[in-house]
Amino acid sequence: MNTKSLGCMLGLFLVSIPLFASEGAENALPALPGYSVKVWAKGTSDFTNPDSIELDRGHIWVGYQNVTSKTGGDGKFSTVVEYDSDGRLLRTFAVPGHCDGLRIDPATHTVWASSKEDGNPGLVSIDQTSGKITTYSFDPTVHGGGFDDMAFLNGKMFIAASNPNLDANGVNVFPAVDEVTFIGTKVVLTPVLMGNGSAIDTMSGTVVALNEVDPDSMSVDASGNLVLVNQAGSELVFIANPGSASQSVSRTLVGTQLEDTVWIKSAARGRLLVVDGKTNTIYSVTAKFAPGTIYTETPDDSGVSSFVGTLDPATGIIKPVVIGFSKATGLIFVAGGDDD
């Protein structure tokens, strides 16, 4: 099935969603029956435009971009906010620049925030115990842009090389994903996936040439693969054993731009937390979540914009389950009891 037909099917799914699910007025946004949506937390006049969201030991961390330049030219700061499990504000941290990536190392519980994803990239760490912020520096980027989302897998840190320069044929010939190590506070990058590397197409089974024109969100799937969203390229790229001699790469076309993508790995109870950047709101979506289900979201500039849906990896088709967001940006799954 080609990309155009997938986009048409997404449109049909959206039209078929009822105005509200069976929960009626309890839903803060239109949702399919079986899904309940409510406001979990909101920004304030002091921190606005939430984007990334992360979970660590029951606490939720959100990167608020405020009104900041994507290249840092204005000298302004984003705000990283720590909440408890019920959405009560605990602490805030000022991060230089436009914070677009926010991840927590599961081994050390260090909070990492990347910024200025279009150029002049920045990276800071936050020690959760002391609250100390450490700033790290990059060499000039080989791809010309900045760095976006991060992921941790098998004790390694990976980062997406965003806003790459393209060659005369519109191809990204630079690293799209790098492994991150450090010499003191200097960031050392080792390429893991090239923007024009090869991959197995999951639908046809053939080898294809990638073109990672827009490396964006990153996550880890239920099989332990590193997953990159090529946002403008409307695809998911799966990297098995990243950075090793046995690394292999596959890709799935999805027919529309995506933001964050999460896998329900085991728990059937829990909630999705969905960030809406334009309304300064974080929503809680509860349902009976089936293990193995993949949830994803689309940005406001996607062909079919600002919804959360389930992804069929065999076909790349996305079925919306909640619509009505103004700008869906961050997405995580919190296993365990819901917030009723």
Protein backbone atom coordinates (compact mmCIF):
# COMPACT_ATOMS: atom_id res chain seq x y z
CA MET A 1 0.00 0.00 0.00
CA ASN A 2 1.50 3.37 -0.93
CA THR A 3 1.87 6.43 1.29
CA LYS A 4 -0.97 8.33 -0.35
CA SER A 5 -3.49 5.55 0.20
CA LEU A 6 -2.39 5.18 3.82
CA GLY A 7 -3.03 8.88 4.36
CA CYS A 8 -6.52 8.52 2.85
CA MET A 9 -7.29 5.62 5.18
CA LEU A 10 -6.19 7.72 8.15
CA GLY A 11 -8.65 10.40 7.06
CA LEU A 12 -11.45 7.84 6.88
CA PHE A 13 -10.68 6.63 10.38
CA LEU A 14 -10.88 10.19 11.69
CA VAL A 15 -14.25 10.79 10.11
CA SER A 16 -15.60 7.58 11.67
CA ILE A 17 -14.82 8.58 15.27
CA PRO A 18 -17.98 9.56 17.19
CA LEU A 19 -18.11 13.02 18.72
CA PHE A 20 -17.61 11.52 22.17
CA ALA A 21 -17.10 8.03 23.52
CA SER A 22 -19.54 6.27 25.79
CA GLU A 23 -18.11 8.06 28.81
CA GLY A 24 -19.77 11.18 27.44
CA ALA A 25 -19.11 14.45 29.25
CA GLU A 26 -16.34 12.89 31.34
CA ASN A 27 -14.06 12.96 28.30
CA ALA A 28 -11.97 16.09 27.88
CA LEU A 29 -11.45 15.25 24.18
CA PRO A 30 -13.29 13.09 21.62
CA ALA A 31 -12.29 9.44 21.98
CA LEU A 32 -13.36 6.01 20.88
CA PRO A 33 -15.52 3.97 23.28
CA GLY A 34 -13.38 2.40 25.98
CA TYR A 35 -11.02 5.37 26.22
CA SER A 36 -11.39 8.03 28.90
CA VAL A 37 -9.56 11.37 28.62
CA LYS A 38 -9.02 13.92 31.35
CA VAL A 39 -6.66 16.80 32.09
CA TRP A 40 -3.71 15.56 34.16
CA ALA A 41 -1.66 18.78 34.51
CA LYS A 42 -1.29 22.21 32.92
CA GLY A 43 1.53 24.65 32.47
CA THR A 44 1.43 28.09 34.03
CA SER A 45 2.37 31.62 33.02
CA ASP A 46 5.90 30.74 34.20
CA PHE A 47 6.33 27.70 31.92
CA THR A 48 4.52 27.12 28.64
CA ASN A 49 4.63 25.05 25.44
CA PRO A 50 5.30 21.57 26.86
CA ASP A 51 6.97 19.09 24.55
CA SER A 52 8.89 16.05 25.81
CA ILE A 53 7.68 13.87 28.67
CA GLU A 54 9.45 11.13 30.63
CA LEU A 55 8.79 8.74 33.53
CA ASP A 56 11.17 7.74 36.30
CA ARG A 57 10.32 5.94 39.56
CA GLY A 58 6.75 7.18 39.58
CA HIS A 59 7.59 10.81 38.86
CA ILE A 60 6.82 12.53 35.56
CA TRP A 61 9.25 14.96 33.94
CA VAL A 62 8.16 17.45 31.26
CA GLY A 63 10.23 19.80 29.12
CA TYR A 64 8.47 23.14 28.63
CA GLN A 65 9.99 25.05 25.70
CA ASN A 66 8.47 28.41 26.69
CA VAL A 67 9.06 30.85 23.82
CA THR A 68 12.62 30.10 22.76
CA SER A 69 14.68 29.99 19.58
CA LYS A 70 15.39 26.56 18.07
CA THR A 71 18.99 27.68 17.50
CA GLY A 72 19.44 29.52 20.81
CA GLY A 73 19.96 32.95 19.29
CA ASP A 74 17.70 34.65 21.81
CA GLY A 75 19.58 33.46 24.90
CA LYS A 76 16.37 32.34 26.59
CA PHE A 77 15.62 29.27 28.72
CA SER A 78 13.25 26.32 28.72
CA THR A 79 11.85 24.86 31.95
CA VAL A 80 12.09 21.21 32.98
CA VAL A 81 9.34 20.36 35.46
CA GLU A 82 9.14 17.39 37.82
CA TYR A 83 5.65 16.20 38.86
CA ASP A 84 4.48 13.49 41.19
CA SER A 85 2.25 10.70 39.87
CA ASP A 86 -0.88 12.80 40.41
CA GLY A 87 0.35 15.83 38.48
CA ARG A 88 1.41 17.92 41.47
CA LEU A 89 4.40 20.14 40.75
CA LEU A 90 7.54 19.23 42.71
CA ARG A 91 10.52 21.09 41.20
CA THR A 92 11.51 23.19 38.19
CA PHE A 93 14.88 23.55 36.44
CA ALA A 94 16.01 26.18 33.91
CA VAL A 95 17.60 24.72 30.75
CA PRO A 96 19.35 26.98 28.19
CA GLY A 97 17.67 27.13 24.80
CA HIS A 98 14.72 25.35 23.20
CA CYS A 99 14.41 21.98 25.01
CA ASP A 100 13.28 19.30 22.58
CA GLY A 101 14.65 16.06 24.05
CA LEU A 102 14.14 14.89 27.63
CA ARG A 103 15.17 11.40 28.73
CA ILE A 104 16.29 9.70 31.95
CA ASP A 105 19.04 7.12 32.16
CA PRO A 106 17.36 4.09 33.80
CA ALA A 107 20.67 2.97 35.34
CA THR A 108 21.74 6.23 37.00
CA HIS A 109 18.39 8.13 37.03
CA THR A 110 20.22 11.14 35.62
CA VAL A 111 17.92 13.48 33.70
CA TRP A 112 19.19 14.54 30.27
CA ALA A 113 17.79 17.49 28.33
CA SER A 114 18.86 18.39 24.79
CA SER A 115 18.15 21.79 23.28
CA LYS A 116 18.47 23.92 20.15
CA GLU A 117 17.64 21.06 17.78
CA ASP A 118 17.94 23.18 14.63
CA GLY A 119 21.55 24.26 15.26
CA ASN A 120 24.13 25.13 17.94
CA PRO A 121 22.99 22.14 20.02
CA GLY A 122 23.07 22.02 23.79
CA LEU A 123 22.90 19.22 26.34
CA VAL A 124 22.58 19.31 30.12
CA SER A 125 22.25 16.70 32.84
CA ILE A 126 20.27 17.10 36.06
CA ASP A 127 21.24 15.16 39.17
CA GLN A 128 17.94 14.23 40.80
CA THR A 129 19.43 14.04 44.32
CA SER A 130 21.31 17.33 44.43
CA GLY A 131 19.49 19.22 41.68
CA LYS A 132 22.87 20.09 40.13
CA ILE A 133 22.79 20.96 36.43
CA THR A 134 25.87 20.14 34.33
CA THR A 135 26.35 21.63 30.86
CA TYR A 136 28.02 19.67 28.04
CA SER A 137 29.52 20.94 24.79
CA PHE A 138 29.45 19.68 21.20
CA ASP A 139 31.93 20.10 18.40
CA PRO A 140 30.45 21.76 15.29
CA THR A 141 27.96 19.27 13.86
CA VAL A 142 28.86 17.42 10.66
CA HIS A 143 25.22 17.37 9.53
CA GLY A 144 24.74 21.11 9.99
CA GLY A 145 21.78 20.94 12.38
CA GLY A 146 21.32 20.10 16.04
CA PHE A 147 20.22 17.12 18.11
CA ASP A 148 16.73 16.12 19.14
CA ASP A 149 15.47 13.13 21.12
CA MET A 150 17.54 10.57 23.03
CA ALA A 151 17.14 6.95 24.10
CA PHE A 152 18.95 4.59 26.48
CA LEU A 153 19.47 0.94 25.58
CA ASN A 154 21.86 -1.72 26.91
CA GLY A 155 23.74 0.84 28.97
CA LYS A 156 24.31 3.12 25.99
CA MET A 157 22.98 6.58 25.16
CA PHE A 158 21.77 7.41 21.65
CA ILE A 159 20.71 10.72 20.10
CA ALA A 160 18.94 11.80 16.90
CA ALA A 161 20.81 14.21 14.61
CA SER A 162 18.05 16.63 13.66
CA ASN A 163 17.61 19.24 10.92
CA PRO A 164 20.31 17.80 8.62
CA ASN A 165 21.61 19.52 5.53
CA LEU A 166 20.56 17.61 2.40
CA ASP A 167 22.63 17.16 -0.75
CA ALA A 168 21.65 18.35 -4.23
CA ASN A 169 19.38 15.30 -4.58
CA GLY A 170 17.59 15.97 -1.30
CA VAL A 171 19.39 13.13 0.51
CA ASN A 172 20.80 13.13 4.04
CA VAL A 173 24.31 11.66 3.70
CA PHE A 174 25.25 12.38 7.33
CA PRO A 175 24.73 10.41 10.56
CA ALA A 176 21.08 10.28 11.59
CA VAL A 177 21.63 8.50 14.93
CA ASP A 178 24.77 8.68 17.07
CA GLU A 179 25.95 6.89 20.17
CA VAL A 180 26.90 9.39 22.89
CA THR A 181 29.92 9.12 25.18
CA PHE A 182 31.80 11.79 27.09
CA ILE A 183 35.28 13.05 27.77
CA GLY A 184 34.66 15.18 30.82
CA THR A 185 31.91 17.56 29.71
CA LYS A 186 32.73 17.14 26.01
CA VAL A 187 30.22 15.14 23.96
CA VAL A 188 31.76 12.43 21.78
CA LEU A 189 29.59 11.12 18.94
CA THR A 190 29.92 7.79 17.15
CA PRO A 191 27.66 7.27 14.11
CA VAL A 192 25.20 4.37 14.44
CA LEU A 193 22.85 4.98 11.49
CA MET A 194 23.65 7.00 8.38
CA GLY A 195 20.91 9.09 6.87
CA ASN A 196 21.29 7.26 3.54
CA GLY A 197 21.91 3.79 4.99
CA SER A 198 20.10 0.66 3.89
CA ALA A 199 17.26 -1.18 5.62
CA ILE A 200 14.80 -4.02 5.12
CA ASP A 201 11.34 -2.73 4.29
CA THR A 202 9.00 -4.56 6.67
CA MET A 203 6.13 -4.76 4.18
CA SER A 204 7.94 -5.84 1.01
CA GLY A 205 10.89 -7.64 2.61
CA THR A 206 13.26 -5.93 0.17
CA VAL A 207 16.37 -3.88 0.85
CA VAL A 208 15.73 -0.15 0.47
CA ALA A 209 17.84 2.99 0.71
CA LEU A 210 16.88 5.20 3.62
CA ASN A 211 16.67 8.98 3.50
CA GLU A 212 16.43 10.28 7.04
CA VAL A 213 15.43 13.83 6.20
CA ASP A 214 13.98 14.52 9.66
CA PRO A 215 15.37 12.43 12.56
CA ASP A 216 13.11 13.21 15.49
CA SER A 217 11.65 11.07 18.29
CA MET A 218 13.35 7.96 19.68
CA SER A 219 12.13 5.04 21.77
CA VAL A 220 12.72 1.36 22.47
CA ASP A 221 10.20 -1.21 21.24
CA ALA A 222 8.94 -4.38 22.93
CA SER A 223 11.69 -6.43 21.24
CA GLY A 224 14.46 -4.20 22.54
CA ASN A 225 15.13 -2.41 19.25
CA LEU A 226 16.09 1.24 19.10
CA VAL A 227 13.36 3.07 17.14
CA LEU A 228 13.80 6.36 15.28
CA VAL A 229 10.94 8.44 13.91
CA ASN A 230 11.86 9.99 10.56
CA GLN A 231 9.14 12.58 10.96
CA ALA A 232 8.97 14.31 7.57
CA GLY A 233 9.81 10.94 5.97
CA SER A 234 6.70 9.36 7.54
CA GLU A 235 8.46 6.22 8.69
CA LEU A 236 9.71 4.29 11.71
CA VAL A 237 13.25 2.94 11.58
CA PHE A 238 14.11 -0.05 13.80
CA ILE A 239 17.75 -0.63 14.77
CA ALA A 240 18.49 -4.03 16.32
CA ASN A 241 21.68 -4.27 18.41
CA PRO A 242 22.61 -0.63 17.68
CA GLY A 243 26.30 0.17 17.55
CA SER A 244 27.36 -3.50 17.53
CA ALA A 245 28.79 -5.79 14.86
CA SER A 246 25.41 -7.53 14.62
CA GLN A 247 23.41 -4.35 14.04
CA SER A 248 20.53 -4.66 11.57
CA VAL A 249 18.02 -2.07 10.35
CA SER A 250 14.42 -2.23 9.12
CA ARG A 251 11.82 0.41 8.34
CA THR A 252 8.03 0.72 8.27
CA LEU A 253 6.24 3.39 6.23
CA VAL A 254 3.26 4.88 8.07
CA GLY A 255 1.74 7.37 5.62
CA THR A 256 1.85 10.46 7.84
CA GLN A 257 4.25 12.33 10.11
CA LEU A 258 4.62 10.97 13.63
CA GLU A 259 5.82 12.21 16.99
CA ASP A 260 6.39 9.91 19.98
CA THR A 261 5.61 6.18 19.77
CA VAL A 262 5.22 3.77 22.71
CA TRP A 263 4.79 0.01 23.11
CA ILE A 264 2.49 -1.59 25.70
CA LYS A 265 4.92 -4.26 26.81
CA SER A 266 3.05 -6.19 29.53
CA ALA A 267 0.66 -4.31 31.81
CA ALA A 268 -2.98 -4.09 30.78
CA ARG A 269 -3.74 -1.35 33.31
CA GLY A 270 -2.25 2.09 33.14
CA ARG A 271 -2.57 5.35 31.30
CA LEU A 272 -1.13 7.26 28.40
CA LEU A 273 0.07 10.76 29.21
CA VAL A 274 -0.24 12.96 26.14
CA VAL A 275 1.31 16.42 25.88
CA ASP A 276 -0.55 19.13 23.96
CA GLY A 277 1.94 21.91 23.37
CA LYS A 278 -0.43 24.59 22.09
CA THR A 279 -2.95 24.29 24.92
CA ASN A 280 -0.26 24.01 27.63
CA THR A 281 -1.92 20.80 28.80
CA ILE A 282 -1.01 17.21 29.62
CA TYR A 283 -3.86 14.71 29.26
CA SER A 284 -4.34 11.31 30.87
CA VAL A 285 -5.88 8.63 28.62
CA THR A 286 -7.10 5.51 30.41
CA ALA A 287 -8.33 2.26 28.89
CA LYS A 288 -7.87 -1.48 29.06
CA PHE A 289 -4.52 -1.57 27.28
CA ALA A 290 -3.72 -4.78 25.46
CA PRO A 291 -0.08 -5.91 25.74
CA GLY A 292 1.64 -5.66 22.38
CA THR A 293 -0.36 -2.62 21.24
CA ILE A 294 1.61 0.25 19.71
CA TYR A 295 0.41 3.81 20.31
CA THR A 296 1.65 6.81 18.37
CA GLU A 297 0.72 10.44 17.79
CA THR A 298 0.88 12.93 14.94
CA PRO A 299 2.14 16.54 15.08
CA ASP A 300 0.06 19.55 14.07
CA ASP A 301 1.83 19.85 10.70
CA SER A 302 1.10 16.25 9.71
CA GLY A 303 -1.23 15.39 6.83
CA VAL A 304 -3.66 14.04 9.42
CA SER A 305 -2.79 16.10 12.47
CA SER A 306 -2.80 15.96 16.25
CA PHE A 307 -4.30 12.63 17.26
CA VAL A 308 -3.25 9.56 19.22
CA GLY A 309 -3.82 6.21 17.58
CA THR A 310 -2.84 2.55 17.43
CA LEU A 311 -0.33 1.40 14.83
CA ASP A 312 -0.52 -1.91 12.97
CA PRO A 313 3.16 -2.72 12.28
CA ALA A 314 2.24 -5.22 9.55
CA THR A 315 0.55 -2.58 7.40
CA GLY A 316 1.68 0.79 8.76
CA ILE A 317 -1.98 1.77 9.20
CA ILE A 318 -2.79 3.99 12.18
CA LYS A 319 -6.26 3.94 13.76
CA PRO A 320 -7.02 7.12 15.75
CA VAL A 321 -8.41 6.58 19.25
CA VAL A 322 -8.32 10.15 20.62
CA ILE A 323 -8.60 13.32 18.50
CA GLY A 324 -8.92 17.04 19.19
CA PHE A 325 -5.40 17.87 20.33
CA SER A 326 -4.05 21.20 19.12
CA LYS A 327 -0.43 20.05 18.98
CA ALA A 328 0.32 16.52 20.21
CA THR A 329 4.00 16.38 21.10
CA GLY A 330 5.02 14.07 23.97
CA LEU A 331 3.65 10.60 24.76
CA ILE A 332 4.46 8.01 27.45
CA PHE A 333 2.73 4.97 28.94
CA VAL A 334 2.53 4.69 32.72
CA ALA A 335 1.80 1.12 33.81
CA GLY A 336 -0.19 0.27 36.91
CA GLY A 337 -3.31 1.71 38.51
CA ASP A 338 -5.10 4.44 36.61
CA ASP A 339 -5.89 7.85 38.02
CA ASP A 340 -9.53 7.23 38.91
